[in-house]
N, C-alpha and C. Protein backbone atom coordinates (compact mmCIF):
# COMPACT_ATOMS: atom_id res chain seq x y z
N MET A 1 -3.74 22.69 -6.24
CA MET A 1 -3.05 21.97 -4.91
C MET A 1 -2.58 20.56 -5.28
N LYS A 2 -1.42 20.69 -4.41
CA LYS A 2 -0.55 19.22 -4.55
C LYS A 2 -0.51 18.56 -3.48
N ILE A 3 0.03 17.14 -3.78
CA ILE A 3 0.15 16.08 -2.75
C ILE A 3 1.84 15.95 -2.84
N ILE A 4 2.32 15.97 -1.63
CA ILE A 4 3.67 15.74 -1.69
C ILE A 4 4.03 14.44 -0.51
N TYR A 5 5.01 13.81 -1.02
CA TYR A 5 5.38 12.54 -0.31
C TYR A 5 6.77 12.36 -0.51
N LYS A 6 7.48 11.75 0.51
CA LYS A 6 9.00 11.62 0.57
C LYS A 6 9.19 10.13 -0.33
N GLN A 7 9.82 10.03 -1.05
CA GLN A 7 10.32 8.54 -2.20
C GLN A 7 11.38 8.04 -1.05
N ASP A 8 11.54 6.60 -1.49
CA ASP A 8 12.38 5.92 -0.68
C ASP A 8 13.81 6.58 -0.87
N ASN A 9 14.22 6.96 -1.92
CA ASN A 9 15.61 7.66 -2.03
C ASN A 9 15.70 9.04 -1.41
N GLY A 10 14.49 9.28 -1.04
CA GLY A 10 14.82 10.90 -0.13
C GLY A 10 14.24 11.88 -0.79
N VAL A 11 13.93 11.66 -1.95
CA VAL A 11 13.86 13.00 -2.82
C VAL A 11 11.90 13.09 -2.61
N ALA A 12 11.93 14.26 -2.68
CA ALA A 12 10.38 14.72 -2.64
C ALA A 12 9.40 14.39 -3.72
N ALA A 13 8.44 13.72 -3.62
CA ALA A 13 7.45 13.34 -4.98
C ALA A 13 6.16 14.34 -5.10
N ILE A 14 5.90 15.12 -6.12
CA ILE A 14 4.93 16.18 -6.25
C ILE A 14 3.91 15.27 -6.93
N VAL A 15 2.55 15.24 -6.66
CA VAL A 15 1.52 14.85 -7.53
C VAL A 15 0.76 15.75 -7.64
N SER A 16 0.70 16.36 -9.13
CA SER A 16 -0.61 17.28 -9.69
C SER A 16 -1.93 16.73 -9.77
N PRO A 17 -2.77 16.59 -9.14
CA PRO A 17 -4.15 15.88 -9.37
C PRO A 17 -4.95 16.56 -10.49
N VAL A 18 -5.57 15.90 -10.93
CA VAL A 18 -6.75 16.30 -12.16
C VAL A 18 -8.05 15.95 -11.49
N PHE A 19 -9.00 16.94 -11.34
CA PHE A 19 -10.21 16.73 -10.87
C PHE A 19 -11.13 17.01 -11.99
N THR A 20 -11.03 15.77 -12.48
CA THR A 20 -12.26 15.53 -13.48
C THR A 20 -12.64 13.98 -13.52
N GLU A 21 -12.33 12.86 -12.94
CA GLU A 21 -12.90 11.79 -13.06
C GLU A 21 -13.67 11.83 -11.89
N ILE A 22 -14.60 10.79 -11.78
CA ILE A 22 -15.68 10.55 -11.22
C ILE A 22 -15.39 9.27 -10.01
N ASN A 23 -15.47 9.37 -9.06
CA ASN A 23 -15.12 8.31 -8.02
C ASN A 23 -16.48 7.30 -8.07
N PRO A 24 -16.48 6.13 -8.74
CA PRO A 24 -17.55 5.33 -8.89
C PRO A 24 -17.97 4.85 -7.53
N ASP A 25 -17.26 5.22 -5.97
CA ASP A 25 -17.86 4.84 -4.81
C ASP A 25 -19.24 6.11 -4.65
N THR A 26 -18.81 7.30 -4.92
CA THR A 26 -19.38 8.48 -4.26
C THR A 26 -20.26 8.98 -5.63
N ASN A 27 -19.94 8.59 -7.04
CA ASN A 27 -20.65 9.25 -7.89
C ASN A 27 -20.44 10.81 -8.18
N LYS A 28 -19.14 11.15 -7.45
CA LYS A 28 -18.72 12.95 -7.41
C LYS A 28 -17.41 12.72 -8.03
N ILE A 29 -16.74 13.90 -8.12
CA ILE A 29 -15.39 14.04 -8.52
C ILE A 29 -14.60 13.75 -7.55
N TRP A 30 -13.56 12.79 -7.58
CA TRP A 30 -12.47 12.43 -6.48
C TRP A 30 -12.04 13.94 -5.83
N THR A 31 -12.05 13.96 -4.64
CA THR A 31 -11.72 15.09 -3.61
C THR A 31 -10.35 14.50 -3.53
N ILE A 32 -9.26 15.62 -3.59
CA ILE A 32 -8.05 15.84 -3.10
C ILE A 32 -7.59 14.57 -1.85
N GLU A 33 -8.26 14.50 -0.94
CA GLU A 33 -7.79 13.58 0.14
C GLU A 33 -8.27 12.32 -0.65
N GLU A 34 -9.17 11.82 -1.22
CA GLU A 34 -9.36 10.63 -1.81
C GLU A 34 -8.50 10.32 -2.90
N ILE A 35 -8.02 11.28 -4.02
CA ILE A 35 -6.66 11.10 -4.76
C ILE A 35 -5.38 10.80 -4.17
N ALA A 36 -5.10 11.65 -2.82
CA ALA A 36 -3.84 11.48 -2.35
C ALA A 36 -3.60 10.07 -1.72
N ALA A 37 -4.98 9.31 -0.86
CA ALA A 37 -5.00 7.90 -0.52
C ALA A 37 -4.63 7.17 -1.41
N LYS A 38 -5.47 7.22 -2.55
CA LYS A 38 -5.23 6.17 -3.71
C LYS A 38 -3.77 6.56 -4.73
N THR A 39 -3.33 7.67 -4.69
CA THR A 39 -2.13 7.88 -5.35
C THR A 39 -0.87 7.48 -4.74
N VAL A 40 -0.57 8.11 -3.45
CA VAL A 40 0.51 8.03 -2.61
C VAL A 40 0.71 6.37 -2.40
N PRO A 41 1.91 5.88 -2.57
CA PRO A 41 2.38 4.22 -2.05
C PRO A 41 1.68 3.67 -0.97
N THR A 42 1.32 2.72 -0.74
CA THR A 42 0.79 2.35 0.86
C THR A 42 1.73 2.67 1.78
N GLY A 43 1.29 3.16 2.70
CA GLY A 43 1.98 3.28 4.37
C GLY A 43 2.81 4.93 4.36
N TYR A 44 2.83 5.44 2.76
CA TYR A 44 3.70 6.59 2.83
C TYR A 44 2.97 7.89 3.44
N LYS A 45 3.55 8.41 4.37
CA LYS A 45 2.88 9.98 4.82
C LYS A 45 2.60 10.90 3.63
N TYR A 46 1.81 11.75 3.78
CA TYR A 46 1.58 13.01 2.74
C TYR A 46 1.19 14.04 3.39
N LYS A 47 1.48 15.34 2.45
CA LYS A 47 0.76 16.48 2.48
C LYS A 47 0.18 17.00 1.52
N ILE A 48 -0.95 17.72 1.91
CA ILE A 48 -1.80 18.37 0.48
C ILE A 48 -1.37 19.76 1.00
N VAL A 49 -0.35 20.37 -0.26
CA VAL A 49 -0.09 21.71 -0.05
C VAL A 49 -0.74 22.90 -1.26
N GLU A 50 -0.73 23.92 -1.04
CA GLU A 50 -1.11 25.02 -2.38
C GLU A 50 0.03 25.09 -3.22
N ASP A 51 -0.29 25.26 -4.41
CA ASP A 51 0.54 25.14 -5.41
C ASP A 51 1.67 26.08 -5.21
N ALA A 52 1.29 27.33 -4.76
CA ALA A 52 2.43 28.38 -4.56
C ALA A 52 3.20 28.10 -3.56
N ASP A 53 3.26 26.81 -2.55
CA ASP A 53 4.27 26.34 -1.89
C ASP A 53 5.46 25.49 -2.68
N VAL A 54 5.10 25.28 -3.79
CA VAL A 54 5.82 24.14 -4.47
C VAL A 54 6.94 25.09 -5.41
N PRO A 55 7.99 24.61 -5.23
CA PRO A 55 9.11 25.57 -6.17
C PRO A 55 8.76 25.70 -7.56
N THR A 56 8.80 26.46 -8.09
CA THR A 56 8.52 26.74 -9.72
C THR A 56 10.02 26.30 -10.41
N ASP A 57 11.13 26.69 -9.87
CA ASP A 57 12.10 26.16 -10.68
C ASP A 57 12.78 24.88 -10.35
N ARG A 58 12.36 24.28 -11.89
CA ARG A 58 12.50 22.55 -11.40
C ARG A 58 13.90 22.13 -11.89
N SER A 59 14.85 23.44 -11.98
CA SER A 59 15.89 23.02 -12.23
C SER A 59 16.85 21.82 -11.55
N PHE A 60 16.63 21.98 -10.16
CA PHE A 60 17.00 20.83 -9.29
C PHE A 60 16.37 20.21 -8.76
N ARG A 61 15.07 19.65 -9.46
CA ARG A 61 14.05 19.09 -8.77
C ARG A 61 14.52 17.83 -8.28
N ASN A 62 15.52 17.09 -8.54
CA ASN A 62 15.86 15.73 -8.08
C ASN A 62 16.61 15.96 -6.55
N ALA A 63 17.02 17.47 -6.11
CA ALA A 63 17.22 17.68 -5.05
C ALA A 63 16.41 17.82 -3.68
N TRP A 64 15.13 18.01 -4.37
CA TRP A 64 14.11 18.85 -3.20
C TRP A 64 13.84 17.47 -2.32
N THR A 65 13.86 18.10 -1.23
CA THR A 65 13.51 17.21 0.06
C THR A 65 12.23 17.67 0.70
N VAL A 66 11.89 16.65 1.57
CA VAL A 66 10.99 17.13 2.34
C VAL A 66 10.74 16.67 3.70
N ASP A 67 10.61 17.31 4.91
CA ASP A 67 10.87 16.52 6.15
C ASP A 67 9.37 15.74 6.69
N GLU A 68 10.07 14.47 6.86
CA GLU A 68 8.84 13.69 7.24
C GLU A 68 7.84 14.07 8.28
N ALA A 69 8.49 14.86 9.15
CA ALA A 69 7.53 15.32 10.50
C ALA A 69 6.25 16.23 9.82
N ASP A 70 6.76 16.90 8.39
CA ASP A 70 5.70 17.83 7.87
C ASP A 70 4.60 17.00 7.00
N LEU A 71 4.56 15.74 6.87
CA LEU A 71 3.50 15.02 6.37
C LEU A 71 2.76 14.62 6.85
N THR A 72 1.72 15.72 7.44
CA THR A 72 0.68 15.09 8.36
C THR A 72 -0.72 14.93 8.09
N ASP A 73 -1.02 14.98 6.45
CA ASP A 73 -2.42 15.14 6.05
C ASP A 73 -2.97 13.37 5.98
N GLY A 74 -2.10 12.52 6.17
CA GLY A 74 -2.76 10.96 5.64
C GLY A 74 -1.34 10.27 5.35
N VAL A 75 -1.86 8.92 5.10
CA VAL A 75 -1.27 8.05 4.87
C VAL A 75 -1.74 7.29 3.59
N GLY A 76 -0.68 6.76 2.22
CA GLY A 76 -1.56 6.28 1.33
C GLY A 76 -2.07 4.97 1.67
N LEU A 77 -2.90 4.53 1.04
CA LEU A 77 -3.84 3.16 1.26
C LEU A 77 -2.90 2.34 0.17
């Protein structure tokens, strides 16, 4: 799973979470939703997607964009 959000410059940011840290509030491994909420900048909308939905060719990574209307899973805290 990956977390995608739109940066100020319009380029898509892709977060690859690691599921090994314990959330001190729950004493369980952080969920992807918890990771997204704490990692995505405050007020930025995000989408959680499958790994296969992210391009594997990184040649033009700085040209990747995302339509803000597709960022429907939450907002960074």
